[in-house]
PDB file of all heavy atoms in Angstrom:
ATOM      1  N   ASP A   1     177.940 192.860 253.005  1.00  0.00           N
ATOM      2  CA  ASP A   1     177.962 192.157 254.279  1.00  0.00           C
ATOM      3  C   ASP A   1     177.094 190.890 254.167  1.00  0.00           C
ATOM      4  O   ASP A   1     175.873 190.986 254.101  1.00  0.00           O
ATOM      5  CB  ASP A   1     177.447 193.064 255.373  1.00  0.00           C
ATOM      6  CG  ASP A   1     177.533 192.470 256.759  1.00  0.00           C
ATOM      7  OD1 ASP A   1     177.978 191.314 256.885  1.00  0.00           O
ATOM      8  OD2 ASP A   1     177.244 193.171 257.744  1.00  0.00           O
ATOM      9  N   PRO A   2     177.700 189.694 254.142  1.00  0.00           N
ATOM     10  CA  PRO A   2     176.883 188.478 253.959  1.00  0.00           C
ATOM     11  C   PRO A   2     176.000 188.184 255.190  1.00  0.00           C
ATOM     12  O   PRO A   2     175.014 187.483 255.040  1.00  0.00           O
ATOM     13  CB  PRO A   2     177.971 187.385 253.792  1.00  0.00           C
ATOM     14  CG  PRO A   2     179.252 187.943 254.308  1.00  0.00           C
ATOM     15  CD  PRO A   2     179.146 189.429 254.195  1.00  0.00           C
ATOM     16  N   GLU A   3     176.347 188.698 256.364  1.00  0.00           N
ATOM     17  CA  GLU A   3     175.511 188.407 257.542  1.00  0.00           C
ATOM     18  C   GLU A   3     174.173 189.122 257.435  1.00  0.00           C
ATOM     19  O   GLU A   3     173.143 188.537 257.816  1.00  0.00           O
ATOM     20  CB  GLU A   3     176.258 188.874 258.800  1.00  0.00           C
ATOM     21  CG  GLU A   3     177.490 188.040 259.077  1.00  0.00           C
ATOM     22  CD  GLU A   3     178.269 188.542 260.283  1.00  0.00           C
ATOM     23  OE1 GLU A   3     177.758 189.458 260.971  1.00  0.00           O
ATOM     24  OE2 GLU A   3     179.361 188.019 260.551  1.00  0.00           O
ATOM     25  N   THR A   4     174.182 190.370 256.943  1.00  0.00           N
ATOM     26  CA  THR A   4     172.901 191.105 256.805  1.00  0.00           C
ATOM     27  C   THR A   4     172.394 191.106 255.401  1.00  0.00           C
ATOM     28  O   THR A   4     171.305 191.574 255.146  1.00  0.00           O
ATOM     29  CB  THR A   4     173.103 192.558 257.289  1.00  0.00           C
ATOM     30  OG1 THR A   4     174.075 193.177 256.462  1.00  0.00           O
ATOM     31  CG2 THR A   4     173.492 192.634 258.703  1.00  0.00           C
ATOM     32  N   MET A   5     173.176 190.569 254.472  1.00  0.00           N
ATOM     33  CA  MET A   5     172.832 190.474 253.043  1.00  0.00           C
ATOM     34  C   MET A   5     172.526 191.872 252.467  1.00  0.00           C
ATOM     35  O   MET A   5     171.579 192.047 251.739  1.00  0.00           O
ATOM     36  CB  MET A   5     171.671 189.517 252.793  1.00  0.00           C
ATOM     37  CG  MET A   5     172.058 188.082 253.093  1.00  0.00           C
ATOM     38  SD  MET A   5     170.908 186.852 252.503  1.00  0.00           S
ATOM     39  CE  MET A   5     169.497 187.130 253.517  1.00  0.00           C
ATOM     40  N   THR A   6     173.310 192.839 252.851  1.00  0.00           N
ATOM     41  CA  THR A   6     173.173 194.210 252.365  1.00  0.00           C
ATOM     42  C   THR A   6     174.567 194.820 252.065  1.00  0.00           C
ATOM     43  O   THR A   6     175.579 194.330 252.523  1.00  0.00           O
ATOM     44  CB  THR A   6     172.502 195.139 253.412  1.00  0.00           C
ATOM     45  OG1 THR A   6     173.301 195.131 254.612  1.00  0.00           O
ATOM     46  CG2 THR A   6     171.098 194.657 253.739  1.00  0.00           C
ATOM     47  N   LYS A   7     174.521 195.876 251.256  1.00  0.00           N
ATOM     48  CA  LYS A   7     175.759 196.620 251.025  1.00  0.00           C
ATOM     49  C   LYS A   7     175.843 197.695 252.118  1.00  0.00           C
ATOM     50  O   LYS A   7     174.838 198.205 252.572  1.00  0.00           O
ATOM     51  CB  LYS A   7     175.688 197.331 249.661  1.00  0.00           C
ATOM     52  CG  LYS A   7     175.731 196.385 248.505  1.00  0.00           C
ATOM     53  CD  LYS A   7     175.641 197.234 247.236  1.00  0.00           C
ATOM     54  CE  LYS A   7     175.376 196.353 246.008  1.00  0.00           C
ATOM     55  NZ  LYS A   7     175.182 197.180 244.805  1.00  0.00           N
ATOM     56  N   LYS A   8     177.072 197.998 252.510  1.00  0.00           N
ATOM     57  CA  LYS A   8     177.253 199.099 253.424  1.00  0.00           C
ATOM     58  C   LYS A   8     178.539 199.814 253.152  1.00  0.00           C
ATOM     59  O   LYS A   8     179.468 199.243 252.520  1.00  0.00           O
ATOM     60  CB  LYS A   8     177.180 198.606 254.876  1.00  0.00           C
ATOM     61  CG  LYS A   8     178.321 197.706 255.331  1.00  0.00           C
ATOM     62  CD  LYS A   8     178.102 197.336 256.789  1.00  0.00           C
ATOM     63  CE  LYS A   8     179.346 196.681 257.360  1.00  0.00           C
ATOM     64  NZ  LYS A   8     179.154 196.405 258.759  1.00  0.00           N
ATOM     65  N   ASN A   9     178.621 201.060 253.544  1.00  0.00           N
ATOM     66  CA  ASN A   9     179.820 201.855 253.423  1.00  0.00           C
ATOM     67  C   ASN A   9     180.651 201.769 254.682  1.00  0.00           C
ATOM     68  O   ASN A   9     180.109 201.968 255.781  1.00  0.00           O
ATOM     69  CB  ASN A   9     179.477 203.331 253.132  1.00  0.00           C
ATOM     70  CG  ASN A   9     178.790 203.484 251.798  1.00  0.00           C
ATOM     71  OD1 ASN A   9     178.988 202.677 250.889  1.00  0.00           O
ATOM     72  ND2 ASN A   9     178.054 204.553 251.643  1.00  0.00           N
ATOM     73  N   VAL A  10     181.929 201.463 254.544  1.00  0.00           N
ATOM     74  CA  VAL A  10     182.806 201.405 255.701  1.00  0.00           C
ATOM     75  C   VAL A  10     184.001 202.336 255.477  1.00  0.00           C
ATOM     76  O   VAL A  10     184.350 202.629 254.321  1.00  0.00           O
ATOM     77  CB  VAL A  10     183.327 199.970 255.943  1.00  0.00           C
ATOM     78  CG1 VAL A  10     182.178 199.041 256.291  1.00  0.00           C
ATOM     79  CG2 VAL A  10     184.118 199.436 254.778  1.00  0.00           C
ATOM     80  N   THR A  11     184.563 202.887 256.543  1.00  0.00           N
ATOM     81  CA  THR A  11     185.691 203.786 256.430  1.00  0.00           C
ATOM     82  C   THR A  11     186.890 202.997 255.860  1.00  0.00           C
ATOM     83  O   THR A  11     186.925 201.765 255.902  1.00  0.00           O
ATOM     84  CB  THR A  11     186.093 204.381 257.760  1.00  0.00           C
ATOM     85  OG1 THR A  11     186.501 203.333 258.640  1.00  0.00           O
ATOM     86  CG2 THR A  11     184.921 205.135 258.403  1.00  0.00           C
ATOM     87  N   LEU A  12     187.856 203.750 255.394  1.00  0.00           N
ATOM     88  CA  LEU A  12     189.071 203.069 254.831  1.00  0.00           C
ATOM     89  C   LEU A  12     189.773 202.284 255.912  1.00  0.00           C
ATOM     90  O   LEU A  12     190.280 201.188 255.668  1.00  0.00           O
ATOM     91  CB  LEU A  12     190.010 204.105 254.247  1.00  0.00           C
ATOM     92  CG  LEU A  12     189.500 204.829 252.990  1.00  0.00           C
ATOM     93  CD1 LEU A  12     190.477 205.888 252.551  1.00  0.00           C
ATOM     94  CD2 LEU A  12     189.225 203.871 251.880  1.00  0.00           C
ATOM     95  N   ASP A  13     189.830 202.840 257.166  1.00  0.00           N
ATOM     96  CA  ASP A  13     190.529 202.103 258.248  1.00  0.00           C
ATOM     97  C   ASP A  13     189.785 200.794 258.556  1.00  0.00           C
ATOM     98  O   ASP A  13     190.401 199.738 258.742  1.00  0.00           O
ATOM     99  CB  ASP A  13     190.587 202.962 259.479  1.00  0.00           C
ATOM    100  CG  ASP A  13     191.581 204.136 259.338  1.00  0.00           C
ATOM    101  OD1 ASP A  13     192.490 203.975 258.509  1.00  0.00           O
ATOM    102  OD2 ASP A  13     191.409 205.134 260.019  1.00  0.00           O
ATOM    103  N   GLU A  14     188.445 200.837 258.609  1.00  0.00           N
ATOM    104  CA  GLU A  14     187.681 199.613 258.896  1.00  0.00           C
ATOM    105  C   GLU A  14     187.842 198.609 257.761  1.00  0.00           C
ATOM    106  O   GLU A  14     187.971 197.414 257.990  1.00  0.00           O
ATOM    107  CB  GLU A  14     186.198 199.923 259.070  1.00  0.00           C
ATOM    108  CG  GLU A  14     185.375 198.695 259.373  1.00  0.00           C
ATOM    109  CD  GLU A  14     183.897 198.973 259.562  1.00  0.00           C
ATOM    110  OE1 GLU A  14     183.507 200.113 259.613  1.00  0.00           O
ATOM    111  OE2 GLU A  14     183.125 197.980 259.583  1.00  0.00           O
ATOM    112  N   TYR A  15     187.895 199.088 256.510  1.00  0.00           N
ATOM    113  CA  TYR A  15     188.089 198.197 255.367  1.00  0.00           C
ATOM    114  C   TYR A  15     189.437 197.479 255.493  1.00  0.00           C
ATOM    115  O   TYR A  15     189.529 196.282 255.310  1.00  0.00           O
ATOM    116  CB  TYR A  15     188.007 198.958 254.067  1.00  0.00           C
ATOM    117  CG  TYR A  15     188.265 198.059 252.878  1.00  0.00           C
ATOM    118  CD1 TYR A  15     187.286 197.185 252.425  1.00  0.00           C
ATOM    119  CD2 TYR A  15     189.476 198.087 252.205  1.00  0.00           C
ATOM    120  CE1 TYR A  15     187.521 196.368 251.370  1.00  0.00           C
ATOM    121  CE2 TYR A  15     189.750 197.213 251.133  1.00  0.00           C
ATOM    122  CZ  TYR A  15     188.738 196.383 250.702  1.00  0.00           C
ATOM    123  OH  TYR A  15     188.959 195.521 249.678  1.00  0.00           O
ATOM    124  N   ARG A  16     190.483 198.226 255.814  1.00  0.00           N
ATOM    125  CA  ARG A  16     191.811 197.664 255.916  1.00  0.00           C
ATOM    126  C   ARG A  16     191.892 196.643 257.042  1.00  0.00           C
ATOM    127  O   ARG A  16     192.582 195.624 256.910  1.00  0.00           O
ATOM    128  CB  ARG A  16     192.855 198.761 256.145  1.00  0.00           C
ATOM    129  CG  ARG A  16     193.035 199.644 254.904  1.00  0.00           C
ATOM    130  CD  ARG A  16     193.937 200.816 255.208  1.00  0.00           C
ATOM    131  NE  ARG A  16     194.019 201.699 254.044  1.00  0.00           N
ATOM    132  CZ  ARG A  16     193.983 203.018 254.111  1.00  0.00           C
ATOM    133  NH1 ARG A  16     193.918 203.607 255.281  1.00  0.00           N
ATOM    134  NH2 ARG A  16     194.048 203.756 253.009  1.00  0.00           N
ATOM    135  N   GLU A  17     191.236 196.903 258.173  1.00  0.00           N
ATOM    136  CA  GLU A  17     191.305 196.005 259.310  1.00  0.00           C
ATOM    137  C   GLU A  17     190.403 194.817 259.196  1.00  0.00           C
ATOM    138  O   GLU A  17     190.781 193.704 259.620  1.00  0.00           O
ATOM    139  CB  GLU A  17     190.927 196.797 260.601  1.00  0.00           C
ATOM    140  CG  GLU A  17     191.935 197.831 260.999  1.00  0.00           C
ATOM    141  CD  GLU A  17     191.441 198.695 262.121  1.00  0.00           C
ATOM    142  OE1 GLU A  17     190.459 198.309 262.780  1.00  0.00           O
ATOM    143  OE2 GLU A  17     192.021 199.750 262.377  1.00  0.00           O
ATOM    144  N   VAL A  18     189.213 194.965 258.626  1.00  0.00           N
ATOM    145  CA  VAL A  18     188.192 193.900 258.689  1.00  0.00           C
ATOM    146  C   VAL A  18     187.931 193.278 257.317  1.00  0.00           C
ATOM    147  O   VAL A  18     187.868 192.046 257.204  1.00  0.00           O
ATOM    148  CB  VAL A  18     186.859 194.469 259.241  1.00  0.00           C
ATOM    149  CG1 VAL A  18     185.781 193.415 259.269  1.00  0.00           C
ATOM    150  CG2 VAL A  18     187.076 195.087 260.618  1.00  0.00           C
ATOM    151  N   TRP A  19     187.776 194.080 256.267  1.00  0.00           N
ATOM    152  CA  TRP A  19     187.217 193.606 255.021  1.00  0.00           C
ATOM    153  C   TRP A  19     188.257 193.261 253.960  1.00  0.00           C
ATOM    154  O   TRP A  19     187.994 192.401 253.083  1.00  0.00           O
ATOM    155  CB  TRP A  19     186.263 194.640 254.428  1.00  0.00           C
ATOM    156  CG  TRP A  19     185.100 194.893 255.333  1.00  0.00           C
ATOM    157  CD1 TRP A  19     185.023 195.841 256.323  1.00  0.00           C
ATOM    158  CD2 TRP A  19     183.885 194.144 255.416  1.00  0.00           C
ATOM    159  NE1 TRP A  19     183.814 195.762 256.959  1.00  0.00           N
ATOM    160  CE2 TRP A  19     183.078 194.741 256.413  1.00  0.00           C
ATOM    161  CE3 TRP A  19     183.398 193.086 254.719  1.00  0.00           C
ATOM    162  CZ2 TRP A  19     181.836 194.264 256.721  1.00  0.00           C
ATOM    163  CZ3 TRP A  19     182.120 192.633 255.010  1.00  0.00           C
ATOM    164  CH2 TRP A  19     181.379 193.199 255.990  1.00  0.00           C
ATOM    165  N   ARG A  20     189.423 193.838 253.970  1.00  0.00           N
ATOM    166  CA  ARG A  20     190.363 193.673 252.832  1.00  0.00           C
ATOM    167  C   ARG A  20     190.804 192.226 252.693  1.00  0.00           C
ATOM    168  O   ARG A  20     190.889 191.703 251.605  1.00  0.00           O
ATOM    169  CB  ARG A  20     191.581 194.587 252.973  1.00  0.00           C
ATOM    170  CG  ARG A  20     192.511 194.371 251.803  1.00  0.00           C
ATOM    171  CD  ARG A  20     193.580 195.378 251.627  1.00  0.00           C
ATOM    172  NE  ARG A  20     194.187 195.909 252.837  1.00  0.00           N
ATOM    173  CZ  ARG A  20     194.983 196.948 252.838  1.00  0.00           C
ATOM    174  NH1 ARG A  20     195.246 197.612 251.726  1.00  0.00           N
ATOM    175  NH2 ARG A  20     195.523 197.398 253.943  1.00  0.00           N
ATOM    176  N   LYS A  21     191.098 191.553 253.796  1.00  0.00           N
ATOM    177  CA  LYS A  21     191.509 190.132 253.732  1.00  0.00           C
ATOM    178  C   LYS A  21     190.500 189.294 253.078  1.00  0.00           C
ATOM    179  O   LYS A  21     190.768 188.410 252.264  1.00  0.00           O
ATOM    180  CB  LYS A  21     191.844 189.621 255.170  1.00  0.00           C
ATOM    181  CG  LYS A  21     192.461 188.304 255.207  1.00  0.00           C
ATOM    182  CD  LYS A  21     193.864 188.300 254.649  1.00  0.00           C
ATOM    183  CE  LYS A  21     194.502 186.969 254.860  1.00  0.00           C
ATOM    184  NZ  LYS A  21     195.787 186.902 254.224  1.00  0.00           N
ATOM    185  N   ARG A  22     189.219 189.547 253.362  1.00  0.00           N
ATOM    186  CA  ARG A  22     188.152 188.764 252.776  1.00  0.00           C
ATOM    187  C   ARG A  22     188.010 189.055 251.273  1.00  0.00           C
ATOM    188  O   ARG A  22     187.656 188.172 250.508  1.00  0.00           O
ATOM    189  CB  ARG A  22     186.848 189.171 253.455  1.00  0.00           C
ATOM    190  CG  ARG A  22     185.638 188.368 253.009  1.00  0.00           C
ATOM    191  CD  ARG A  22     184.404 189.140 253.192  1.00  0.00           C
ATOM    192  NE  ARG A  22     184.511 190.361 252.400  1.00  0.00           N
ATOM    193  CZ  ARG A  22     183.489 190.992 251.877  1.00  0.00           C
ATOM    194  NH1 ARG A  22     182.295 190.558 252.083  1.00  0.00           N
ATOM    195  NH2 ARG A  22     183.639 192.068 251.171  1.00  0.00           N
ATOM    196  N   ASP A  23     188.383 190.264 250.850  1.00  0.00           N
ATOM    197  CA  ASP A  23     188.220 190.642 249.448  1.00  0.00           C
ATOM    198  C   ASP A  23     189.425 190.305 248.572  1.00  0.00           C
ATOM    199  O   ASP A  23     189.411 190.500 247.381  1.00  0.00           O
ATOM    200  CB  ASP A  23     187.993 192.164 249.333  1.00  0.00           C
ATOM    201  CG  ASP A  23     186.592 192.567 249.725  1.00  0.00           C
ATOM    202  OD1 ASP A  23     185.728 191.678 249.828  1.00  0.00           O
ATOM    203  OD2 ASP A  23     186.370 193.752 249.910  1.00  0.00           O
ATOM    204  N   GLU A  24     190.468 189.714 249.178  1.00  0.00           N
ATOM    205  CA  GLU A  24     191.654 189.360 248.370  1.00  0.00           C
ATOM    206  C   GLU A  24     191.290 188.314 247.325  1.00  0.00           C
ATOM    207  O   GLU A  24     190.583 187.352 247.624  1.00  0.00           O
ATOM    208  CB  GLU A  24     192.783 188.850 249.252  1.00  0.00           C
ATOM    209  CG  GLU A  24     193.473 189.956 250.022  1.00  0.00           C
ATOM    210  CD  GLU A  24     194.645 189.465 250.851  1.00  0.00           C
ATOM    211  OE1 GLU A  24     194.885 188.226 250.887  1.00  0.00           O
ATOM    212  OE2 GLU A  24     195.246 190.288 251.519  1.00  0.00           O
ATOM    213  N   ILE A  25     191.765 188.508 246.135  1.00  0.00           N
ATOM    214  CA  ILE A  25     191.484 187.591 245.034  1.00  0.00           C
ATOM    215  C   ILE A  25     192.690 186.708 244.801  1.00  0.00           C
ATOM    216  O   ILE A  25     193.800 187.220 244.640  1.00  0.00           O
ATOM    217  CB  ILE A  25     191.142 188.385 243.763  1.00  0.00           C
ATOM    218  CG1 ILE A  25     189.874 189.220 243.965  1.00  0.00           C
ATOM    219  CG2 ILE A  25     190.998 187.440 242.539  1.00  0.00           C
ATOM    220  CD1 ILE A  25     189.527 190.096 242.795  1.00  0.00           C
ATOM    221  N   THR A  26     192.465 185.433 244.781  1.00  0.00           N
ATOM    222  CA  THR A  26     193.587 184.490 244.506  1.00  0.00           C
ATOM    223  C   THR A  26     193.929 184.505 243.025  1.00  0.00           C
ATOM    224  O   THR A  26     193.126 184.982 242.209  1.00  0.00           O
ATOM    225  CB  THR A  26     193.168 183.050 244.922  1.00  0.00           C
ATOM    226  OG1 THR A  26     192.128 182.602 244.093  1.00  0.00           O
ATOM    227  CG2 THR A  26     192.767 182.970 246.370  1.00  0.00           C
ATOM    228  N   SER A  27     195.075 183.987 242.683  1.00  0.00           N
ATOM    229  CA  SER A  27     195.518 183.993 241.279  1.00  0.00           C
ATOM    230  C   SER A  27     194.548 183.146 240.456  1.00  0.00           C
ATOM    231  O   SER A  27     194.277 183.436 239.267  1.00  0.00           O
ATOM    232  CB  SER A  27     196.920 183.486 241.134  1.00  0.00           C
ATOM    233  OG  SER A  27     197.054 182.198 241.625  1.00  0.00           O
ATOM    234  N   ASN A  28     194.000 182.062 241.021  1.00  0.00           N
ATOM    235  CA  ASN A  28     193.031 181.223 240.285  1.00  0.00           C
ATOM    236  C   ASN A  28     191.732 182.007 239.992  1.00  0.00           C
ATOM    237  O   ASN A  28     191.158 181.898 238.918  1.00  0.00           O
ATOM    238  CB  ASN A  28     192.688 179.956 241.054  1.00  0.00           C
ATOM    239  CG  ASN A  28     193.854 178.989 241.017  1.00  0.00           C
ATOM    240  OD1 ASN A  28     194.674 179.057 240.166  1.00  0.00           O
ATOM    241  ND2 ASN A  28     193.869 178.100 242.019  1.00  0.00           N
ATOM    242  N   GLN A  29     191.285 182.803 240.984  1.00  0.00           N
ATOM    243  CA  GLN A  29     190.085 183.620 240.758  1.00  0.00           C
ATOM    244  C   GLN A  29     190.355 184.689 239.728  1.00  0.00           C
ATOM    245  O   GLN A  29     189.519 184.993 238.876  1.00  0.00           O
ATOM    246  CB  GLN A  29     189.628 184.261 242.070  1.00  0.00           C
ATOM    247  CG  GLN A  29     189.109 183.300 243.096  1.00  0.00           C
ATOM    248  CD  GLN A  29     188.883 183.948 244.426  1.00  0.00           C
ATOM    249  OE1 GLN A  29     189.727 184.750 244.872  1.00  0.00           O
ATOM    250  NE2 GLN A  29     187.787 183.611 245.101  1.00  0.00           N
ATOM    251  N   LEU A  30     191.564 185.276 239.773  1.00  0.00           N
ATOM    252  CA  LEU A  30     191.909 186.348 238.817  1.00  0.00           C
ATOM    253  C   LEU A  30     191.901 185.807 237.410  1.00  0.00           C
ATOM    254  O   LEU A  30     191.461 186.487 236.471  1.00  0.00           O
ATOM    255  CB  LEU A  30     193.297 186.883 239.171  1.00  0.00           C
ATOM    256  CG  LEU A  30     193.738 188.176 238.509  1.00  0.00           C
ATOM    257  CD1 LEU A  30     192.729 189.284 238.809  1.00  0.00           C
ATOM    258  CD2 LEU A  30     195.109 188.542 238.956  1.00  0.00           C
ATOM    259  N   LYS A  31     192.331 184.573 237.178  1.00  0.00           N
ATOM    260  CA  LYS A  31     192.337 183.961 235.843  1.00  0.00           C
ATOM    261  C   LYS A  31     190.916 183.834 235.300  1.00  0.00           C
ATOM    262  O   LYS A  31     190.707 183.928 234.110  1.00  0.00           O
ATOM    263  CB  LYS A  31     193.009 182.605 235.865  1.00  0.00           C
ATOM    264  CG  LYS A  31     194.511 182.704 236.055  1.00  0.00           C
ATOM    265  CD  LYS A  31     195.178 181.347 236.117  1.00  0.00           C
ATOM    266  CE  LYS A  31     196.639 181.480 236.411  1.00  0.00           C
ATOM    267  NZ  LYS A  31     197.281 180.155 236.547  1.00  0.00           N
ATOM    268  N   LEU A  32     189.937 183.621 236.183  1.00  0.00           N
ATOM    269  CA  LEU A  32     188.570 183.536 235.754  1.00  0.00           C
ATOM    270  C   LEU A  32     188.068 184.839 235.098  1.00  0.00           C
ATOM    271  O   LEU A  32     187.189 184.816 234.267  1.00  0.00           O
ATOM    272  CB  LEU A  32     187.642 183.195 236.928  1.00  0.00           C
ATOM    273  CG  LEU A  32     187.784 181.813 237.507  1.00  0.00           C
ATOM    274  CD1 LEU A  32     186.931 181.678 238.763  1.00  0.00           C
ATOM    275  CD2 LEU A  32     187.422 180.740 236.519  1.00  0.00           C
ATOM    276  N   PHE A  33     188.657 185.934 235.553  1.00  0.00           N
ATOM    277  CA  PHE A  33     188.283 187.261 235.025  1.00  0.00           C
ATOM    278  C   PHE A  33     189.197 187.736 233.940  1.00  0.00           C
ATOM    279  O   PHE A  33     189.157 188.915 233.540  1.00  0.00           O
ATOM    280  CB  PHE A  33     188.190 188.264 236.158  1.00  0.00           C
ATOM    281  CG  PHE A  33     187.151 187.936 237.161  1.00  0.00           C
ATOM    282  CD1 PHE A  33     187.491 187.378 238.380  1.00  0.00           C
ATOM    283  CD2 PHE A  33     185.795 188.157 236.881  1.00  0.00           C
ATOM    284  CE1 PHE A  33     186.498 187.058 239.318  1.00  0.00           C
ATOM    285  CE2 PHE A  33     184.815 187.832 237.817  1.00  0.00           C
ATOM    286  CZ  PHE A  33     185.188 187.279 239.015  1.00  0.00           C
ATOM    287  N   GLY A  34     190.051 186.877 233.426  1.00  0.00           N
ATOM    288  CA  GLY A  34     190.915 187.223 232.305  1.00  0.00           C
ATOM    289  C   GLY A  34     192.184 187.920 232.672  1.00  0.00           C
ATOM    290  O   GLY A  34     192.874 188.464 231.804  1.00  0.00           O
TER     291      GLY A  34
END
């Protein structure tokens, strides 16, 4: 969580609704990781 600068555990439903879009990796980012 960048707002609190901490890690936190969220339920799968909350992850799908709130966090997954933020965690999507673009094809350019994926190329950086091989």
